[in-house]
Amino acid sequence: MYLYGLHPGNTVEDIKKEIPWELKIAEHLEITRFPTEKELSLIRHFAPEISMGRKLQLEALIMRLFKLLEKKQ
């Protein structure tokens, strides 16, 4: 596996922090395009937890846990 492109706003260093092996990197990295509104709509509809991003996923999970705990009291 090798890195051939980056999402806007990310750096090679950001990616390397997440990969536990020596990452091969393409000579010319591409910058990925932003998804279209139609693509975003499909992702939000069929995979809402993915479309949130990690930070929002964690926040949403914490809120769900708090609501469950409130119901049990």
N, C-alpha and C. Protein backbone atom coordinates (compact mmCIF):
# COMPACT_ATOMS: atom_id res chain seq x y z
N MET A 1 0.85 -1.18 0.00
CA MET A 1 0.00 0.00 0.00
C MET A 1 0.89 1.23 0.00
N TYR A 2 0.39 2.26 -0.65
CA TYR A 2 1.11 3.53 -0.66
C TYR A 2 0.12 4.68 -0.72
N LEU A 3 0.62 5.83 -0.31
CA LEU A 3 -0.20 7.04 -0.31
C LEU A 3 -0.07 7.72 -1.66
N TYR A 4 -1.18 7.90 -2.32
CA TYR A 4 -1.15 8.55 -3.63
C TYR A 4 -1.86 9.89 -3.64
N GLY A 5 -2.61 10.19 -2.56
CA GLY A 5 -3.33 11.46 -2.54
C GLY A 5 -3.70 11.86 -1.13
N LEU A 6 -4.05 13.12 -0.99
CA LEU A 6 -4.43 13.68 0.30
C LEU A 6 -5.76 14.40 0.16
N HIS A 7 -6.54 14.35 1.23
CA HIS A 7 -7.73 15.18 1.29
C HIS A 7 -7.30 16.60 1.62
N PRO A 8 -7.99 17.61 1.12
CA PRO A 8 -7.63 18.99 1.42
C PRO A 8 -7.55 19.21 2.94
N GLY A 9 -6.50 19.90 3.36
CA GLY A 9 -6.32 20.20 4.77
C GLY A 9 -5.50 19.17 5.53
N ASN A 10 -5.17 18.04 4.90
CA ASN A 10 -4.34 17.01 5.54
C ASN A 10 -2.92 17.09 5.01
N THR A 11 -2.00 16.61 5.82
CA THR A 11 -0.59 16.57 5.41
C THR A 11 -0.10 15.13 5.46
N VAL A 12 1.04 14.90 4.84
CA VAL A 12 1.66 13.58 4.89
C VAL A 12 1.94 13.22 6.35
N GLU A 13 2.37 14.19 7.14
CA GLU A 13 2.66 13.94 8.55
C GLU A 13 1.40 13.49 9.29
N ASP A 14 0.24 14.10 8.98
CA ASP A 14 -1.03 13.69 9.60
C ASP A 14 -1.29 12.21 9.32
N ILE A 15 -1.09 11.80 8.09
CA ILE A 15 -1.35 10.43 7.69
C ILE A 15 -0.37 9.47 8.36
N LYS A 16 0.91 9.85 8.38
CA LYS A 16 1.93 8.99 8.98
C LYS A 16 1.65 8.72 10.45
N LYS A 17 1.06 9.67 11.15
CA LYS A 17 0.73 9.48 12.56
C LYS A 17 -0.28 8.35 12.76
N GLU A 18 -1.13 8.13 11.75
CA GLU A 18 -2.20 7.13 11.84
C GLU A 18 -1.79 5.74 11.34
N ILE A 19 -0.65 5.64 10.68
CA ILE A 19 -0.23 4.39 10.06
C ILE A 19 0.91 3.77 10.87
N PRO A 20 0.75 2.53 11.32
CA PRO A 20 1.78 1.91 12.17
C PRO A 20 2.95 1.28 11.40
N TRP A 21 3.03 1.49 10.10
CA TRP A 21 4.13 0.94 9.32
C TRP A 21 4.77 2.06 8.49
N GLU A 22 5.90 1.74 7.90
CA GLU A 22 6.59 2.70 7.04
C GLU A 22 5.76 2.91 5.79
N LEU A 23 5.27 4.11 5.63
CA LEU A 23 4.36 4.43 4.53
C LEU A 23 5.12 4.79 3.26
N LYS A 24 4.77 4.12 2.18
CA LYS A 24 5.32 4.49 0.88
C LYS A 24 4.49 5.64 0.34
N ILE A 25 5.15 6.62 -0.28
CA ILE A 25 4.46 7.81 -0.74
C ILE A 25 4.74 8.01 -2.23
N ALA A 26 3.69 8.26 -2.99
CA ALA A 26 3.83 8.51 -4.43
C ALA A 26 4.69 9.74 -4.66
N GLU A 27 5.38 9.74 -5.77
CA GLU A 27 6.27 10.87 -6.10
C GLU A 27 5.48 12.17 -6.24
N HIS A 28 4.31 12.10 -6.85
CA HIS A 28 3.47 13.28 -7.03
C HIS A 28 2.11 13.00 -6.38
N LEU A 29 1.90 13.58 -5.21
CA LEU A 29 0.64 13.38 -4.50
C LEU A 29 -0.47 14.19 -5.13
N GLU A 30 -1.61 13.56 -5.28
CA GLU A 30 -2.80 14.25 -5.78
C GLU A 30 -3.58 14.81 -4.60
N ILE A 31 -4.29 15.86 -4.81
CA ILE A 31 -5.22 16.37 -3.80
C ILE A 31 -6.61 15.91 -4.24
N THR A 32 -7.29 15.20 -3.36
CA THR A 32 -8.61 14.69 -3.73
C THR A 32 -9.61 15.84 -3.83
N ARG A 33 -10.60 15.64 -4.66
CA ARG A 33 -11.62 16.67 -4.82
C ARG A 33 -12.66 16.53 -3.71
N PHE A 34 -13.34 17.60 -3.43
CA PHE A 34 -14.44 17.54 -2.48
C PHE A 34 -15.59 16.78 -3.12
N PRO A 35 -16.35 16.03 -2.33
CA PRO A 35 -17.50 15.33 -2.90
C PRO A 35 -18.57 16.32 -3.35
N THR A 36 -19.34 15.90 -4.33
CA THR A 36 -20.44 16.74 -4.80
C THR A 36 -21.56 16.71 -3.77
N GLU A 37 -22.52 17.60 -3.90
CA GLU A 37 -23.66 17.62 -2.98
C GLU A 37 -24.44 16.30 -3.07
N LYS A 38 -24.55 15.75 -4.28
CA LYS A 38 -25.25 14.48 -4.46
C LYS A 38 -24.52 13.36 -3.73
N GLU A 39 -23.19 13.32 -3.85
CA GLU A 39 -22.40 12.30 -3.16
C GLU A 39 -22.53 12.45 -1.64
N LEU A 40 -22.46 13.68 -1.16
CA LEU A 40 -22.61 13.93 0.27
C LEU A 40 -23.99 13.50 0.76
N SER A 41 -25.00 13.77 -0.01
CA SER A 41 -26.36 13.39 0.35
C SER A 41 -26.48 11.88 0.48
N LEU A 42 -25.90 11.14 -0.45
CA LEU A 42 -25.93 9.67 -0.40
C LEU A 42 -25.20 9.15 0.83
N ILE A 43 -24.03 9.72 1.12
CA ILE A 43 -23.26 9.29 2.29
C ILE A 43 -24.05 9.58 3.57
N ARG A 44 -24.61 10.78 3.67
CA ARG A 44 -25.37 11.15 4.86
C ARG A 44 -26.60 10.26 5.04
N HIS A 45 -27.19 9.84 3.93
CA HIS A 45 -28.38 9.00 4.01
C HIS A 45 -28.04 7.56 4.39
N PHE A 46 -27.05 6.97 3.71
CA PHE A 46 -26.75 5.56 3.88
C PHE A 46 -25.69 5.26 4.94
N ALA A 47 -24.87 6.25 5.31
CA ALA A 47 -23.82 6.03 6.31
C ALA A 47 -23.62 7.29 7.15
N PRO A 48 -24.63 7.69 7.89
CA PRO A 48 -24.52 8.95 8.63
C PRO A 48 -23.39 8.96 9.65
N GLU A 49 -23.10 7.80 10.25
CA GLU A 49 -22.01 7.78 11.24
C GLU A 49 -20.65 8.04 10.59
N ILE A 50 -20.48 7.66 9.36
CA ILE A 50 -19.22 7.91 8.65
C ILE A 50 -19.12 9.37 8.25
N SER A 51 -20.22 9.95 7.85
CA SER A 51 -20.20 11.33 7.35
C SER A 51 -19.91 12.34 8.46
N MET A 52 -20.06 11.93 9.72
CA MET A 52 -19.83 12.85 10.83
C MET A 52 -18.35 13.13 11.08
N GLY A 53 -17.51 12.18 10.81
CA GLY A 53 -16.11 12.32 11.19
C GLY A 53 -15.92 11.77 12.59
N ARG A 54 -14.69 11.46 12.93
CA ARG A 54 -14.40 10.80 14.21
C ARG A 54 -14.81 11.61 15.42
N LYS A 55 -14.50 12.90 15.42
CA LYS A 55 -14.79 13.72 16.59
C LYS A 55 -16.30 13.79 16.85
N LEU A 56 -17.07 14.04 15.80
CA LEU A 56 -18.52 14.10 15.97
C LEU A 56 -19.11 12.74 16.32
N GLN A 57 -18.53 11.66 15.78
CA GLN A 57 -19.00 10.32 16.13
C GLN A 57 -18.86 10.10 17.63
N LEU A 58 -17.71 10.47 18.17
CA LEU A 58 -17.47 10.31 19.60
C LEU A 58 -18.45 11.15 20.42
N GLU A 59 -18.64 12.39 20.01
CA GLU A 59 -19.58 13.26 20.72
C GLU A 59 -21.00 12.69 20.66
N ALA A 60 -21.40 12.18 19.51
CA ALA A 60 -22.74 11.62 19.37
C ALA A 60 -22.89 10.37 20.24
N LEU A 61 -21.85 9.55 20.29
CA LEU A 61 -21.89 8.35 21.12
C LEU A 61 -22.02 8.72 22.60
N ILE A 62 -21.26 9.70 23.04
CA ILE A 62 -21.32 10.15 24.43
C ILE A 62 -22.72 10.66 24.76
N MET A 63 -23.31 11.43 23.86
CA MET A 63 -24.66 11.96 24.10
C MET A 63 -25.67 10.81 24.20
N ARG A 64 -25.53 9.79 23.33
CA ARG A 64 -26.43 8.65 23.40
C ARG A 64 -26.28 7.91 24.73
N LEU A 65 -25.04 7.78 25.20
CA LEU A 65 -24.81 7.11 26.48
C LEU A 65 -25.45 7.89 27.62
N PHE A 66 -25.29 9.21 27.61
CA PHE A 66 -25.91 10.04 28.65
C PHE A 66 -27.43 9.89 28.63
N LYS A 67 -28.02 9.85 27.45
CA LYS A 67 -29.48 9.70 27.36
C LYS A 67 -29.93 8.34 27.90
N LEU A 68 -29.15 7.30 27.60
CA LEU A 68 -29.48 5.97 28.13
C LEU A 68 -29.37 5.96 29.65
N LEU A 69 -28.34 6.58 30.17
CA LEU A 69 -28.17 6.63 31.62
C LEU A 69 -29.31 7.41 32.29
N GLU A 70 -29.75 8.49 31.66
CA GLU A 70 -30.86 9.29 32.21
C GLU A 70 -32.14 8.46 32.28
N LYS A 71 -32.39 7.64 31.26
CA LYS A 71 -33.59 6.81 31.22
C LYS A 71 -33.60 5.77 32.34
N LYS A 72 -32.42 5.30 32.71
CA LYS A 72 -32.31 4.26 33.73
C LYS A 72 -32.50 4.82 35.15
N GLN A 73 -32.42 6.12 35.30
CA GLN A 73 -32.54 6.72 36.65
C GLN A 73 -33.97 6.99 37.01
